[in-house]
C-alpha cells in the first residue's frame, strides 16, 4: 500500500481534506528516544514539554526534550503502522534515521519510504 499523502489540513479546509499525520522522534535528557505521531508536531512537542495531562507519561520529568526527527506520513492508519514499526527498531537505528535527515536534508526519508511501501 502506498502512503496517502493527501494535502495537510488548514482550518478553512477541515471539511475538504482528512488530517495530515506526522511521525516524530524526541530525544530525552538521558539520551533515550521517544517515537510518536500527531497532526501538529509543534503543538505536540509543547504538550510534552509542559508535562501535563496532554503530554506522554513516558516523557514527564525527562526534559529537556529535543525534537530530532519529523516526517509527514499522511493517513492516520499509515502513521500508526509506521510508529509501531519504528518503535521496534533499536536506538542505534533510530539515531541513524535522525542523523540521515540532518545530513541528507529534510526531504530524504529513503528508509521510511521503503518501509511504507510495504503497507
C-alpha atoms as a PDB file:
ATOM      1  CA  UNK A   1       0.000   0.000   0.000  1.00  0.00           C
ATOM      2  CA  UNK A   2       1.345   3.418  -0.893  1.00  0.00           C
ATOM      3  CA  UNK A   3       1.097   6.039   1.845  1.00  0.00           C
ATOM      4  CA  UNK A   4      -1.718   8.502   1.298  1.00  0.00           C
ATOM      5  CA  UNK A   5      -0.050  11.881   1.177  1.00  0.00           C
ATOM      6  CA  UNK A   6      -3.187  13.982   0.978  1.00  0.00           C
ATOM      7  CA  UNK A   7      -2.749  17.726   1.413  1.00  0.00           C
ATOM      8  CA  UNK A   8      -2.428  18.832   5.020  1.00  0.00           C
ATOM      9  CA  UNK A   9      -5.479  20.366   6.590  1.00  0.00           C
ATOM     10  CA  UNK A  10      -5.672  24.053   7.290  1.00  0.00           C
ATOM     11  CA  UNK A  11      -8.565  25.378   9.343  1.00  0.00           C
ATOM     12  CA  UNK A  12     -10.575  26.529   6.324  1.00  0.00           C
ATOM     13  CA  UNK A  13     -10.136  23.148   4.585  1.00  0.00           C
ATOM     14  CA  UNK A  14     -11.061  20.909   7.522  1.00  0.00           C
ATOM     15  CA  UNK A  15     -14.159  19.618   5.721  1.00  0.00           C
ATOM     16  CA  UNK A  16     -12.297  19.021   2.444  1.00  0.00           C
ATOM     17  CA  UNK A  17      -9.204  17.032   3.436  1.00  0.00           C
ATOM     18  CA  UNK A  18      -8.500  14.468   6.154  1.00  0.00           C
ATOM     19  CA  UNK A  19      -5.938  15.476   8.798  1.00  0.00           C
ATOM     20  CA  UNK A  20      -2.308  15.065   7.835  1.00  0.00           C
ATOM     21  CA  UNK A  21      -0.428  12.842  10.287  1.00  0.00           C
ATOM     22  CA  UNK A  22       3.249  13.161  11.187  1.00  0.00           C
ATOM     23  CA  UNK A  23       5.737  10.785  12.787  1.00  0.00           C
ATOM     24  CA  UNK A  24       8.222  12.354  15.204  1.00  0.00           C
ATOM     25  CA  UNK A  25      11.163  11.301  17.354  1.00  0.00           C
ATOM     26  CA  UNK A  26      12.079  13.177  20.538  1.00  0.00           C
ATOM     27  CA  UNK A  27      15.310  12.796  22.493  1.00  0.00           C
ATOM     28  CA  UNK A  28      15.100  12.958  26.286  1.00  0.00           C
ATOM     29  CA  UNK A  29      17.786  14.408  28.566  1.00  0.00           C
ATOM     30  CA  UNK A  30      19.087  10.907  29.334  1.00  0.00           C
ATOM     31  CA  UNK A  31      19.557  10.208  25.607  1.00  0.00           C
ATOM     32  CA  UNK A  32      16.603   7.861  25.199  1.00  0.00           C
ATOM     33  CA  UNK A  33      14.350   8.319  22.170  1.00  0.00           C
ATOM     34  CA  UNK A  34      10.559   8.569  22.111  1.00  0.00           C
ATOM     35  CA  UNK A  35       8.584   7.964  18.906  1.00  0.00           C
ATOM     36  CA  UNK A  36       5.055   9.267  18.394  1.00  0.00           C
ATOM     37  CA  UNK A  37       2.517  10.502  15.859  1.00  0.00           C
ATOM     38  CA  UNK A  38       0.451  13.676  15.713  1.00  0.00           C
ATOM     39  CA  UNK A  39      -1.339  16.047  13.371  1.00  0.00           C
ATOM     40  CA  UNK A  40       0.651  19.021  14.702  1.00  0.00           C
ATOM     41  CA  UNK A  41       4.277  18.396  15.700  1.00  0.00           C
ATOM     42  CA  UNK A  42       4.863  21.831  17.234  1.00  0.00           C
ATOM     43  CA  UNK A  43       1.729  21.625  19.402  1.00  0.00           C
ATOM     44  CA  UNK A  44       2.543  18.067  20.492  1.00  0.00           C
ATOM     45  CA  UNK A  45       6.115  18.957  21.434  1.00  0.00           C
ATOM     46  CA  UNK A  46       4.781  21.864  23.507  1.00  0.00           C
ATOM     47  CA  UNK A  47       2.362  19.479  25.264  1.00  0.00           C
ATOM     48  CA  UNK A  48       5.165  17.028  26.016  1.00  0.00           C
ATOM     49  CA  UNK A  49       7.422  19.793  27.336  1.00  0.00           C
ATOM     50  CA  UNK A  50       4.653  21.145  29.581  1.00  0.00           C
ATOM     51  CA  UNK A  51       4.452  17.729  31.248  1.00  0.00           C
ATOM     52  CA  UNK A  52       0.741  17.964  31.973  1.00  0.00           C
ATOM     53  CA  UNK A  53      -2.109  15.582  31.263  1.00  0.00           C
ATOM     54  CA  UNK A  54      -1.840  16.060  27.500  1.00  0.00           C
ATOM     55  CA  UNK A  55       1.831  15.075  27.309  1.00  0.00           C
ATOM     56  CA  UNK A  56       3.004  11.468  27.183  1.00  0.00           C
ATOM     57  CA  UNK A  57       3.564   9.989  30.631  1.00  0.00           C
ATOM     58  CA  UNK A  58       6.852   8.456  29.426  1.00  0.00           C
ATOM     59  CA  UNK A  59       8.276  11.952  28.860  1.00  0.00           C
ATOM     60  CA  UNK A  60       7.257  13.609  32.131  1.00  0.00           C
ATOM     61  CA  UNK A  61      10.272  14.822  34.063  1.00  0.00           C
ATOM     62  CA  UNK A  62      12.649  13.670  31.317  1.00  0.00           C
ATOM     63  CA  UNK A  63      13.423  17.105  29.815  1.00  0.00           C
ATOM     64  CA  UNK A  64      14.805  18.960  28.173  1.00  0.00           C
ATOM     65  CA  UNK A  65      13.082  17.340  25.201  1.00  0.00           C
ATOM     66  CA  UNK A  66      14.609  17.846  21.762  1.00  0.00           C
ATOM     67  CA  UNK A  67      12.807  17.134  18.509  1.00  0.00           C
ATOM     68  CA  UNK A  68      15.250  15.026  16.480  1.00  0.00           C
ATOM     69  CA  UNK A  69      13.077  13.934  13.561  1.00  0.00           C
ATOM     70  CA  UNK A  70       9.695  14.568  11.987  1.00  0.00           C
ATOM     71  CA  UNK A  71       8.177  13.349   8.763  1.00  0.00           C
ATOM     72  CA  UNK A  72       4.803  13.872   7.163  1.00  0.00           C
ATOM     73  CA  UNK A  73       3.135  10.488   6.753  1.00  0.00           C
ATOM     74  CA  UNK A  74      -0.416  11.170   5.572  1.00  0.00           C
ATOM     75  CA  UNK A  75      -3.273   8.957   6.757  1.00  0.00           C
ATOM     76  CA  UNK A  76      -3.710   8.029  10.413  1.00  0.00           C
ATOM     77  CA  UNK A  77      -3.599   4.300   9.652  1.00  0.00           C
ATOM     78  CA  UNK A  78      -0.256   4.687   7.848  1.00  0.00           C
ATOM     79  CA  UNK A  79       1.118   6.746  10.737  1.00  0.00           C
ATOM     80  CA  UNK A  80       0.063   4.111  13.285  1.00  0.00           C
ATOM     81  CA  UNK A  81       1.725   1.309  11.319  1.00  0.00           C
ATOM     82  CA  UNK A  82       4.916   3.319  10.819  1.00  0.00           C
ATOM     83  CA  UNK A  83       5.055   4.296  14.505  1.00  0.00           C
ATOM     84  CA  UNK A  84       4.641   0.660  15.565  1.00  0.00           C
ATOM     85  CA  UNK A  85       7.410  -0.452  13.197  1.00  0.00           C
ATOM     86  CA  UNK A  86       9.863   2.242  14.302  1.00  0.00           C
ATOM     87  CA  UNK A  87       9.185   1.588  17.992  1.00  0.00           C
ATOM     88  CA  UNK A  88      10.566  -1.911  17.369  1.00  0.00           C
ATOM     89  CA  UNK A  89      13.819  -0.505  15.936  1.00  0.00           C
ATOM     90  CA  UNK A  90      16.980  -0.344  18.017  1.00  0.00           C
ATOM     91  CA  UNK A  91      18.044   3.019  19.396  1.00  0.00           C
ATOM     92  CA  UNK A  92      21.045   2.941  17.047  1.00  0.00           C
ATOM     93  CA  UNK A  93      18.817   2.546  14.010  1.00  0.00           C
ATOM     94  CA  UNK A  94      16.556   5.404  15.150  1.00  0.00           C
ATOM     95  CA  UNK A  95      19.617   7.616  15.702  1.00  0.00           C
ATOM     96  CA  UNK A  96      20.857   6.751  12.213  1.00  0.00           C
ATOM     97  CA  UNK A  97      17.486   7.839  10.805  1.00  0.00           C
ATOM     98  CA  UNK A  98      17.670  11.142  12.700  1.00  0.00           C
ATOM     99  CA  UNK A  99      21.265  11.682  11.572  1.00  0.00           C
ATOM    100  CA  UNK A 100      20.484  10.918   7.923  1.00  0.00           C
ATOM    101  CA  UNK A 101      17.758  13.564   7.968  1.00  0.00           C
ATOM    102  CA  UNK A 102      20.341  16.086   9.216  1.00  0.00           C
ATOM    103  CA  UNK A 103      22.969  15.093   6.654  1.00  0.00           C
ATOM    104  CA  UNK A 104      20.768  14.465   3.625  1.00  0.00           C
ATOM    105  CA  UNK A 105      18.197  17.145   4.324  1.00  0.00           C
ATOM    106  CA  UNK A 106      14.594  17.099   5.464  1.00  0.00           C
ATOM    107  CA  UNK A 107      13.317  15.681   2.167  1.00  0.00           C
ATOM    108  CA  UNK A 108      15.364  12.474   2.427  1.00  0.00           C
ATOM    109  CA  UNK A 109      13.500   9.596   4.008  1.00  0.00           C
ATOM    110  CA  UNK A 110      14.531   6.632   1.867  1.00  0.00           C
ATOM    111  CA  UNK A 111      14.361   4.079   4.688  1.00  0.00           C
ATOM    112  CA  UNK A 112      10.937   5.318   5.802  1.00  0.00           C
ATOM    113  CA  UNK A 113       9.643   5.401   2.218  1.00  0.00           C
ATOM    114  CA  UNK A 114      10.824   1.822   1.693  1.00  0.00           C
ATOM    115  CA  UNK A 115       9.128   0.712   4.910  1.00  0.00           C
ATOM    116  CA  UNK A 116       5.872   2.444   3.998  1.00  0.00           C
ATOM    117  CA  UNK A 117       5.895   0.881   0.540  1.00  0.00           C
ATOM    118  CA  UNK A 118       5.389  -2.492   2.242  1.00  0.00           C
ATOM    119  CA  UNK A 119       1.982  -1.455   3.659  1.00  0.00           C
END
